[in-house]
Amino acid sequence: MDSDSIWIKCSGSMWLRREGHDVLRAAETGLSRADDALILEKAIREERILVTLDEHFGDWVILPLKKHPGVIRIKANPATTDNVLNLLLPFLRLHSDLQFKDHLVILSATRAKWVLTSVS
């Protein structure tokens, strides 16, 4: 993944930046307690892949996903910074930002489930 624009709603932004990713944390913009829909809208507007621990990303009743740069939902237990980064960093190294377009990826220690959320 080449210096992608990432909107992150969990810890680990410093390590992502060291890998060359353009990262923006929800907390850095005053949106750490914002509604999920608002955060997703901002990520879409800024063409950033959204990385989150929030289980609502993937529940289409609560938050429908349509066209977007990509959402990566991390399932790490416990959700420590080390566990999140151990899943996320190797995964990002294997994929380009274009692969995430209109996809929800549910990333866990055992698998990465890719769900196409919009048909172009």
N, C-alpha and C. Protein backbone atom coordinates (compact mmCIF):
# COMPACT_ATOMS: atom_id res chain seq x y z
N MET A 1 0.86 -1.17 0.00
CA MET A 1 0.00 0.00 0.00
C MET A 1 0.90 1.23 0.00
N ASP A 2 0.73 2.10 -0.95
CA ASP A 2 1.61 3.24 -1.11
C ASP A 2 1.01 4.50 -0.53
N SER A 3 1.52 4.97 0.58
CA SER A 3 1.13 6.22 1.23
C SER A 3 -0.35 6.56 1.08
N ASP A 4 -1.18 5.60 1.45
CA ASP A 4 -2.61 5.79 1.34
C ASP A 4 -3.11 6.79 2.37
N SER A 5 -4.26 7.35 2.08
CA SER A 5 -4.92 8.24 3.01
C SER A 5 -5.83 7.39 3.88
N ILE A 6 -5.60 7.43 5.16
CA ILE A 6 -6.35 6.58 6.09
C ILE A 6 -6.97 7.44 7.18
N TRP A 7 -8.23 7.18 7.47
CA TRP A 7 -8.93 7.80 8.59
C TRP A 7 -9.03 6.71 9.64
N ILE A 8 -8.42 6.90 10.79
CA ILE A 8 -8.36 5.84 11.78
C ILE A 8 -9.17 6.21 13.02
N LYS A 9 -9.95 5.27 13.47
CA LYS A 9 -10.79 5.46 14.65
C LYS A 9 -10.30 4.55 15.77
N CYS A 10 -9.01 4.29 15.81
CA CYS A 10 -8.40 3.49 16.86
C CYS A 10 -6.94 3.93 16.98
N SER A 11 -6.23 3.36 17.92
CA SER A 11 -4.84 3.79 18.14
C SER A 11 -3.91 3.19 17.09
N GLY A 12 -2.70 3.69 17.03
CA GLY A 12 -1.70 3.15 16.13
C GLY A 12 -1.31 4.08 14.99
N SER A 13 -1.81 5.31 15.02
CA SER A 13 -1.54 6.22 13.89
C SER A 13 -0.05 6.51 13.72
N MET A 14 0.70 6.60 14.82
CA MET A 14 2.12 6.89 14.72
C MET A 14 2.83 5.82 13.90
N TRP A 15 2.50 4.56 14.14
CA TRP A 15 3.16 3.48 13.42
C TRP A 15 2.74 3.45 11.95
N LEU A 16 1.51 3.78 11.68
CA LEU A 16 1.05 3.86 10.28
C LEU A 16 1.78 4.98 9.55
N ARG A 17 1.97 6.10 10.23
CA ARG A 17 2.70 7.22 9.61
C ARG A 17 4.14 6.83 9.31
N ARG A 18 4.74 6.08 10.22
CA ARG A 18 6.12 5.63 9.99
C ARG A 18 6.22 4.73 8.77
N GLU A 19 5.14 4.05 8.44
CA GLU A 19 5.10 3.19 7.25
C GLU A 19 4.79 3.99 5.99
N GLY A 20 4.57 5.30 6.13
CA GLY A 20 4.34 6.15 4.98
C GLY A 20 2.89 6.45 4.66
N HIS A 21 1.98 6.05 5.54
CA HIS A 21 0.56 6.30 5.31
C HIS A 21 0.18 7.70 5.80
N ASP A 22 -0.69 8.34 5.06
CA ASP A 22 -1.24 9.65 5.42
C ASP A 22 -2.44 9.38 6.34
N VAL A 23 -2.23 9.50 7.63
CA VAL A 23 -3.22 9.09 8.62
C VAL A 23 -3.83 10.31 9.31
N LEU A 24 -5.13 10.24 9.50
CA LEU A 24 -5.85 11.25 10.26
C LEU A 24 -6.70 10.52 11.29
N ARG A 25 -6.47 10.81 12.57
CA ARG A 25 -7.26 10.18 13.63
C ARG A 25 -8.50 11.01 13.91
N ALA A 26 -9.58 10.34 14.23
CA ALA A 26 -10.82 11.02 14.58
C ALA A 26 -10.56 11.99 15.74
N ALA A 27 -9.75 11.57 16.70
CA ALA A 27 -9.45 12.41 17.86
C ALA A 27 -8.71 13.69 17.48
N GLU A 28 -7.92 13.65 16.43
CA GLU A 28 -7.15 14.82 15.99
C GLU A 28 -8.04 15.89 15.36
N THR A 29 -9.23 15.52 14.98
CA THR A 29 -10.13 16.47 14.34
C THR A 29 -11.32 16.82 15.21
N GLY A 30 -11.29 16.36 16.46
CA GLY A 30 -12.40 16.64 17.38
C GLY A 30 -13.61 15.75 17.13
N LEU A 31 -13.44 14.67 16.38
CA LEU A 31 -14.56 13.80 16.07
C LEU A 31 -14.52 12.46 16.79
N SER A 32 -13.72 12.35 17.85
CA SER A 32 -13.58 11.06 18.51
C SER A 32 -14.90 10.55 19.08
N ARG A 33 -15.81 11.44 19.42
CA ARG A 33 -17.11 11.03 19.94
C ARG A 33 -18.25 11.26 18.95
N ALA A 34 -17.87 11.52 17.71
CA ALA A 34 -18.87 11.81 16.68
C ALA A 34 -19.61 10.54 16.27
N ASP A 35 -20.77 10.75 15.72
CA ASP A 35 -21.59 9.68 15.18
C ASP A 35 -20.82 8.96 14.07
N ASP A 36 -20.98 7.64 13.98
CA ASP A 36 -20.29 6.86 12.96
C ASP A 36 -20.58 7.36 11.55
N ALA A 37 -21.82 7.73 11.31
CA ALA A 37 -22.19 8.21 9.97
C ALA A 37 -21.40 9.47 9.60
N LEU A 38 -21.19 10.36 10.56
CA LEU A 38 -20.43 11.58 10.32
C LEU A 38 -18.96 11.26 10.01
N ILE A 39 -18.40 10.34 10.75
CA ILE A 39 -17.01 9.95 10.53
C ILE A 39 -16.86 9.30 9.15
N LEU A 40 -17.79 8.43 8.80
CA LEU A 40 -17.74 7.79 7.48
C LEU A 40 -17.90 8.83 6.38
N GLU A 41 -18.81 9.77 6.57
CA GLU A 41 -19.02 10.83 5.58
C GLU A 41 -17.75 11.64 5.35
N LYS A 42 -17.05 11.97 6.45
CA LYS A 42 -15.81 12.73 6.34
C LYS A 42 -14.73 11.91 5.64
N ALA A 43 -14.64 10.63 5.97
CA ALA A 43 -13.66 9.76 5.31
C ALA A 43 -13.94 9.68 3.81
N ILE A 44 -15.20 9.58 3.44
CA ILE A 44 -15.57 9.53 2.02
C ILE A 44 -15.21 10.84 1.33
N ARG A 45 -15.57 11.95 1.96
CA ARG A 45 -15.30 13.27 1.38
C ARG A 45 -13.80 13.48 1.16
N GLU A 46 -12.98 13.00 2.09
CA GLU A 46 -11.52 13.17 2.00
C GLU A 46 -10.85 12.00 1.28
N GLU A 47 -11.66 11.07 0.78
CA GLU A 47 -11.15 9.90 0.05
C GLU A 47 -10.13 9.13 0.88
N ARG A 48 -10.51 8.83 2.12
CA ARG A 48 -9.66 8.08 3.03
C ARG A 48 -10.27 6.74 3.36
N ILE A 49 -9.45 5.74 3.49
CA ILE A 49 -9.88 4.43 3.96
C ILE A 49 -10.11 4.56 5.46
N LEU A 50 -11.24 4.07 5.93
CA LEU A 50 -11.58 4.15 7.35
C LEU A 50 -11.16 2.87 8.04
N VAL A 51 -10.38 2.99 9.11
CA VAL A 51 -9.97 1.85 9.93
C VAL A 51 -10.65 2.02 11.28
N THR A 52 -11.35 0.98 11.72
CA THR A 52 -12.12 1.10 12.95
C THR A 52 -12.17 -0.22 13.71
N LEU A 53 -12.43 -0.12 15.00
CA LEU A 53 -12.71 -1.28 15.84
C LEU A 53 -14.22 -1.41 16.07
N ASP A 54 -14.97 -0.45 15.60
CA ASP A 54 -16.40 -0.34 15.85
C ASP A 54 -17.18 -1.41 15.09
N GLU A 55 -17.94 -2.22 15.81
CA GLU A 55 -18.70 -3.30 15.20
C GLU A 55 -19.85 -2.81 14.33
N HIS A 56 -20.27 -1.56 14.49
CA HIS A 56 -21.38 -1.04 13.68
C HIS A 56 -21.02 -0.92 12.21
N PHE A 57 -19.73 -0.83 11.91
CA PHE A 57 -19.31 -0.79 10.51
C PHE A 57 -19.38 -2.22 10.00
N GLY A 58 -20.43 -2.49 9.28
CA GLY A 58 -20.70 -3.84 8.81
C GLY A 58 -22.13 -4.24 9.11
N ASP A 59 -22.81 -3.46 9.92
CA ASP A 59 -24.22 -3.67 10.20
C ASP A 59 -25.01 -2.70 9.34
N TRP A 60 -25.51 -3.17 8.20
CA TRP A 60 -26.15 -2.30 7.22
C TRP A 60 -27.46 -1.70 7.73
N VAL A 61 -28.06 -2.26 8.74
CA VAL A 61 -29.27 -1.67 9.31
C VAL A 61 -28.91 -0.38 10.03
N ILE A 62 -27.79 -0.40 10.76
CA ILE A 62 -27.36 0.76 11.53
C ILE A 62 -26.63 1.77 10.65
N LEU A 63 -25.74 1.30 9.82
CA LEU A 63 -24.92 2.20 9.01
C LEU A 63 -24.72 1.59 7.62
N PRO A 64 -25.60 1.92 6.69
CA PRO A 64 -25.45 1.35 5.34
C PRO A 64 -24.21 1.90 4.64
N LEU A 65 -23.47 1.01 4.01
CA LEU A 65 -22.29 1.40 3.25
C LEU A 65 -22.63 1.34 1.77
N LYS A 66 -22.27 2.37 1.06
CA LYS A 66 -22.48 2.39 -0.39
C LYS A 66 -21.13 2.62 -1.04
N LYS A 67 -20.95 3.70 -1.75
CA LYS A 67 -19.67 4.00 -2.39
C LYS A 67 -18.75 4.69 -1.40
N HIS A 68 -17.54 4.16 -1.26
CA HIS A 68 -16.58 4.69 -0.29
C HIS A 68 -15.19 4.19 -0.64
N PRO A 69 -14.15 4.83 -0.11
CA PRO A 69 -12.77 4.41 -0.40
C PRO A 69 -12.39 3.08 0.25
N GLY A 70 -13.18 2.63 1.23
CA GLY A 70 -12.91 1.37 1.90
C GLY A 70 -13.04 1.51 3.40
N VAL A 71 -13.47 0.43 4.03
CA VAL A 71 -13.57 0.37 5.49
C VAL A 71 -12.90 -0.92 5.94
N ILE A 72 -11.99 -0.79 6.89
CA ILE A 72 -11.35 -1.95 7.50
C ILE A 72 -11.81 -2.01 8.94
N ARG A 73 -12.55 -3.05 9.27
CA ARG A 73 -13.06 -3.27 10.62
C ARG A 73 -12.15 -4.31 11.27
N ILE A 74 -11.44 -3.90 12.32
CA ILE A 74 -10.47 -4.78 12.97
C ILE A 74 -11.12 -5.47 14.15
N LYS A 75 -10.96 -6.80 14.19
CA LYS A 75 -11.45 -7.59 15.31
C LYS A 75 -10.22 -8.15 16.04
N ALA A 76 -9.80 -7.45 17.07
CA ALA A 76 -8.63 -7.87 17.85
C ALA A 76 -9.07 -8.03 19.30
N ASN A 77 -8.69 -9.15 19.89
CA ASN A 77 -9.09 -9.40 21.27
C ASN A 77 -7.89 -9.86 22.07
N PRO A 78 -7.47 -9.03 23.02
CA PRO A 78 -7.99 -7.70 23.35
C PRO A 78 -7.53 -6.68 22.31
N ALA A 79 -8.25 -5.58 22.24
CA ALA A 79 -7.99 -4.55 21.23
C ALA A 79 -6.90 -3.59 21.69
N THR A 80 -5.73 -4.13 21.95
CA THR A 80 -4.59 -3.30 22.34
C THR A 80 -3.94 -2.74 21.07
N THR A 81 -3.16 -1.70 21.23
CA THR A 81 -2.45 -1.13 20.09
C THR A 81 -1.58 -2.17 19.41
N ASP A 82 -0.86 -2.97 20.20
CA ASP A 82 0.01 -4.00 19.63
C ASP A 82 -0.80 -5.02 18.82
N ASN A 83 -1.92 -5.47 19.34
CA ASN A 83 -2.73 -6.45 18.62
C ASN A 83 -3.29 -5.87 17.33
N VAL A 84 -3.75 -4.62 17.39
CA VAL A 84 -4.29 -3.96 16.20
C VAL A 84 -3.19 -3.83 15.14
N LEU A 85 -2.03 -3.34 15.54
CA LEU A 85 -0.94 -3.14 14.58
C LEU A 85 -0.42 -4.45 14.02
N ASN A 86 -0.39 -5.50 14.84
CA ASN A 86 0.07 -6.81 14.36
C ASN A 86 -0.84 -7.37 13.28
N LEU A 87 -2.10 -6.99 13.30
CA LEU A 87 -3.04 -7.38 12.24
C LEU A 87 -2.96 -6.43 11.05
N LEU A 88 -2.99 -5.14 11.34
CA LEU A 88 -3.17 -4.12 10.31
C LEU A 88 -1.93 -3.88 9.44
N LEU A 89 -0.77 -3.72 10.03
CA LEU A 89 0.41 -3.36 9.25
C LEU A 89 0.77 -4.39 8.18
N PRO A 90 0.86 -5.69 8.51
CA PRO A 90 1.17 -6.66 7.45
C PRO A 90 0.08 -6.71 6.38
N PHE A 91 -1.18 -6.53 6.78
CA PHE A 91 -2.29 -6.55 5.84
C PHE A 91 -2.21 -5.39 4.86
N LEU A 92 -1.91 -4.20 5.36
CA LEU A 92 -1.80 -3.03 4.48
C LEU A 92 -0.63 -3.15 3.51
N ARG A 93 0.43 -3.81 3.94
CA ARG A 93 1.60 -3.97 3.06
C ARG A 93 1.27 -4.85 1.85
N LEU A 94 0.28 -5.69 1.97
CA LEU A 94 -0.08 -6.63 0.91
C LEU A 94 -1.09 -6.08 -0.10
N HIS A 95 -1.72 -4.94 0.20
CA HIS A 95 -2.83 -4.47 -0.62
C HIS A 95 -2.67 -3.01 -1.02
N SER A 96 -3.16 -2.69 -2.21
CA SER A 96 -3.16 -1.29 -2.65
C SER A 96 -4.47 -0.63 -2.24
N ASP A 97 -4.45 0.67 -2.18
CA ASP A 97 -5.66 1.39 -1.77
C ASP A 97 -6.84 1.14 -2.70
N LEU A 98 -6.59 0.93 -3.97
CA LEU A 98 -7.68 0.69 -4.92
C LEU A 98 -8.43 -0.61 -4.63
N GLN A 99 -7.76 -1.58 -4.03
CA GLN A 99 -8.42 -2.84 -3.70
C GLN A 99 -9.51 -2.66 -2.65
N PHE A 100 -9.41 -1.63 -1.84
CA PHE A 100 -10.37 -1.43 -0.75
C PHE A 100 -11.63 -0.70 -1.21
N LYS A 101 -11.59 -0.07 -2.37
CA LYS A 101 -12.72 0.74 -2.84
C LYS A 101 -14.02 -0.06 -2.80
N ASP A 102 -15.02 0.51 -2.12
CA ASP A 102 -16.35 -0.08 -1.99
C ASP A 102 -16.35 -1.46 -1.30
N HIS A 103 -15.33 -1.69 -0.48
CA HIS A 103 -15.27 -2.94 0.27
C HIS A 103 -15.23 -2.67 1.78
N LEU A 104 -15.89 -3.52 2.50
CA LEU A 104 -15.73 -3.63 3.94
C LEU A 104 -14.85 -4.85 4.15
N VAL A 105 -13.75 -4.67 4.86
CA VAL A 105 -12.87 -5.79 5.18
C VAL A 105 -12.95 -6.00 6.68
N ILE A 106 -13.33 -7.19 7.07
CA ILE A 106 -13.35 -7.54 8.49
C ILE A 106 -12.10 -8.35 8.74
N LEU A 107 -11.17 -7.75 9.46
CA LEU A 107 -9.82 -8.31 9.64
C LEU A 107 -9.67 -8.86 11.05
N SER A 108 -9.34 -10.14 11.13
CA SER A 108 -9.10 -10.77 12.43
C SER A 108 -7.80 -11.57 12.34
N ALA A 109 -7.41 -12.19 13.42
CA ALA A 109 -6.17 -12.96 13.45
C ALA A 109 -6.27 -14.20 12.55
N THR A 110 -7.47 -14.67 12.29
CA THR A 110 -7.63 -15.90 11.52
C THR A 110 -7.99 -15.68 10.05
N ARG A 111 -8.51 -14.49 9.71
CA ARG A 111 -8.88 -14.27 8.32
C ARG A 111 -9.18 -12.81 8.01
N ALA A 112 -9.28 -12.54 6.73
CA ALA A 112 -9.74 -11.24 6.25
C ALA A 112 -10.95 -11.51 5.37
N LYS A 113 -12.10 -11.05 5.81
CA LYS A 113 -13.34 -11.25 5.04
C LYS A 113 -13.60 -9.98 4.25
N TRP A 114 -13.64 -10.09 2.92
CA TRP A 114 -13.87 -8.96 2.02
C TRP A 114 -15.34 -8.97 1.60
N VAL A 115 -16.02 -7.86 1.82
CA VAL A 115 -17.43 -7.74 1.45
C VAL A 115 -17.58 -6.55 0.51
N LEU A 116 -18.03 -6.81 -0.71
CA LEU A 116 -18.31 -5.73 -1.65
C LEU A 116 -19.60 -5.06 -1.21
N THR A 117 -19.55 -3.75 -0.98
CA THR A 117 -20.71 -3.04 -0.45
C THR A 117 -21.46 -2.24 -1.49
N SER A 118 -20.92 -2.14 -2.69
CA SER A 118 -21.56 -1.37 -3.74
C SER A 118 -21.18 -1.96 -5.09
N VAL A 119 -22.15 -2.08 -5.95
CA VAL A 119 -21.88 -2.55 -7.30
C VAL A 119 -21.83 -1.34 -8.21
N SER A 120 -20.68 -1.13 -8.85
CA SER A 120 -20.50 0.06 -9.70
C SER A 120 -21.31 -0.01 -10.96
